[in-house]
């Protein structure tokens, strides 16, 4: 898979985590600025871990767990 694919996937993880976490922080009675700041920090860390994990497995040519269509035989 190409770099652009993984960049888009990592960005979607970043956005998804930010939306979910900011909603959770806001429901837990944080003010909006604080909720967005905390969500941005944790979403960035989540995307970083996801991207590093995908990069590690790609560098080791382990595509079976990452790609449903990979030939794992």
C-alpha atoms as a PDB file:
ATOM      1  CA  UNK A   1       0.000   0.000   0.000  1.00  0.00           C
ATOM      2  CA  UNK A   2       1.158   3.470  -0.769  1.00  0.00           C
ATOM      3  CA  UNK A   3       2.192   6.264   1.563  1.00  0.00           C
ATOM      4  CA  UNK A   4      -0.867   8.339   0.621  1.00  0.00           C
ATOM      5  CA  UNK A   5      -3.162   5.509   1.775  1.00  0.00           C
ATOM      6  CA  UNK A   6      -1.507   5.310   5.197  1.00  0.00           C
ATOM      7  CA  UNK A   7      -1.436   9.076   5.538  1.00  0.00           C
ATOM      8  CA  UNK A   8      -5.180   9.250   4.889  1.00  0.00           C
ATOM      9  CA  UNK A   9      -5.838   6.381   7.293  1.00  0.00           C
ATOM     10  CA  UNK A  10      -3.725   7.973  10.051  1.00  0.00           C
ATOM     11  CA  UNK A  11      -5.474  11.313   9.502  1.00  0.00           C
ATOM     12  CA  UNK A  12      -8.866   9.606   9.832  1.00  0.00           C
ATOM     13  CA  UNK A  13      -7.708   8.060  13.127  1.00  0.00           C
ATOM     14  CA  UNK A  14      -6.625  11.518  14.291  1.00  0.00           C
ATOM     15  CA  UNK A  15      -9.948  13.140  13.388  1.00  0.00           C
ATOM     16  CA  UNK A  16     -12.059  10.290  14.755  1.00  0.00           C
ATOM     17  CA  UNK A  17     -10.203  10.198  18.059  1.00  0.00           C
ATOM     18  CA  UNK A  18     -10.436  13.982  18.370  1.00  0.00           C
ATOM     19  CA  UNK A  19     -14.201  14.002  17.827  1.00  0.00           C
ATOM     20  CA  UNK A  20     -14.867  11.177  20.264  1.00  0.00           C
ATOM     21  CA  UNK A  21     -12.514  12.462  22.956  1.00  0.00           C
ATOM     22  CA  UNK A  22     -13.694  16.054  22.762  1.00  0.00           C
ATOM     23  CA  UNK A  23     -17.294  14.874  23.139  1.00  0.00           C
ATOM     24  CA  UNK A  24     -16.351  12.729  26.135  1.00  0.00           C
ATOM     25  CA  UNK A  25     -14.440  15.548  27.823  1.00  0.00           C
ATOM     26  CA  UNK A  26     -17.276  17.983  27.177  1.00  0.00           C
ATOM     27  CA  UNK A  27     -19.862  15.562  28.606  1.00  0.00           C
ATOM     28  CA  UNK A  28     -17.637  15.177  31.670  1.00  0.00           C
ATOM     29  CA  UNK A  29     -18.193  18.922  32.295  1.00  0.00           C
ATOM     30  CA  UNK A  30     -14.920  20.345  31.009  1.00  0.00           C
ATOM     31  CA  UNK A  31     -15.223  23.725  29.349  1.00  0.00           C
ATOM     32  CA  UNK A  32     -15.039  23.632  25.539  1.00  0.00           C
ATOM     33  CA  UNK A  33     -11.479  24.999  25.250  1.00  0.00           C
ATOM     34  CA  UNK A  34     -10.118  22.577  27.803  1.00  0.00           C
ATOM     35  CA  UNK A  35     -11.986  19.649  26.241  1.00  0.00           C
ATOM     36  CA  UNK A  36     -10.629  20.444  22.780  1.00  0.00           C
ATOM     37  CA  UNK A  37      -7.086  20.914  24.054  1.00  0.00           C
ATOM     38  CA  UNK A  38      -7.049  17.590  25.908  1.00  0.00           C
ATOM     39  CA  UNK A  39      -8.705  15.824  22.983  1.00  0.00           C
ATOM     40  CA  UNK A  40      -6.137  17.241  20.550  1.00  0.00           C
ATOM     41  CA  UNK A  41      -3.253  16.015  22.699  1.00  0.00           C
ATOM     42  CA  UNK A  42      -4.634  12.498  23.103  1.00  0.00           C
ATOM     43  CA  UNK A  43      -5.771  12.261  19.484  1.00  0.00           C
ATOM     44  CA  UNK A  44      -2.279  13.205  18.300  1.00  0.00           C
ATOM     45  CA  UNK A  45      -0.750  10.567  20.561  1.00  0.00           C
ATOM     46  CA  UNK A  46      -3.255   7.991  19.318  1.00  0.00           C
ATOM     47  CA  UNK A  47      -2.465   8.752  15.678  1.00  0.00           C
ATOM     48  CA  UNK A  48       1.267   8.670  16.425  1.00  0.00           C
ATOM     49  CA  UNK A  49       1.035   5.231  18.012  1.00  0.00           C
ATOM     50  CA  UNK A  50      -1.164   3.974  15.169  1.00  0.00           C
ATOM     51  CA  UNK A  51       1.204   5.296  12.509  1.00  0.00           C
ATOM     52  CA  UNK A  52       4.285   3.941  14.277  1.00  0.00           C
ATOM     53  CA  UNK A  53       2.683   0.528  14.675  1.00  0.00           C
ATOM     54  CA  UNK A  54       1.659   0.387  11.013  1.00  0.00           C
ATOM     55  CA  UNK A  55       5.124   1.539   9.946  1.00  0.00           C
ATOM     56  CA  UNK A  56       6.795  -1.099  12.094  1.00  0.00           C
ATOM     57  CA  UNK A  57       4.730  -3.898  10.612  1.00  0.00           C
ATOM     58  CA  UNK A  58       5.129  -2.617   7.054  1.00  0.00           C
ATOM     59  CA  UNK A  59       8.904  -2.402   7.490  1.00  0.00           C
ATOM     60  CA  UNK A  60       8.885  -6.047   8.578  1.00  0.00           C
ATOM     61  CA  UNK A  61       6.666  -6.982   5.584  1.00  0.00           C
ATOM     62  CA  UNK A  62       3.820  -8.122   7.831  1.00  0.00           C
ATOM     63  CA  UNK A  63       0.819  -7.222   5.732  1.00  0.00           C
ATOM     64  CA  UNK A  64      -1.565  -9.982   6.789  1.00  0.00           C
ATOM     65  CA  UNK A  65      -2.906  -8.190   9.840  1.00  0.00           C
ATOM     66  CA  UNK A  66      -3.013  -4.814   8.145  1.00  0.00           C
ATOM     67  CA  UNK A  67      -4.442  -5.678   4.739  1.00  0.00           C
ATOM     68  CA  UNK A  68      -7.491  -7.901   4.310  1.00  0.00           C
ATOM     69  CA  UNK A  69      -6.571  -8.676   0.712  1.00  0.00           C
ATOM     70  CA  UNK A  70      -2.931  -9.610   1.290  1.00  0.00           C
ATOM     71  CA  UNK A  71      -1.689 -13.013   0.252  1.00  0.00           C
ATOM     72  CA  UNK A  72      -0.372 -14.430   3.519  1.00  0.00           C
ATOM     73  CA  UNK A  73       0.786 -17.837   2.258  1.00  0.00           C
END
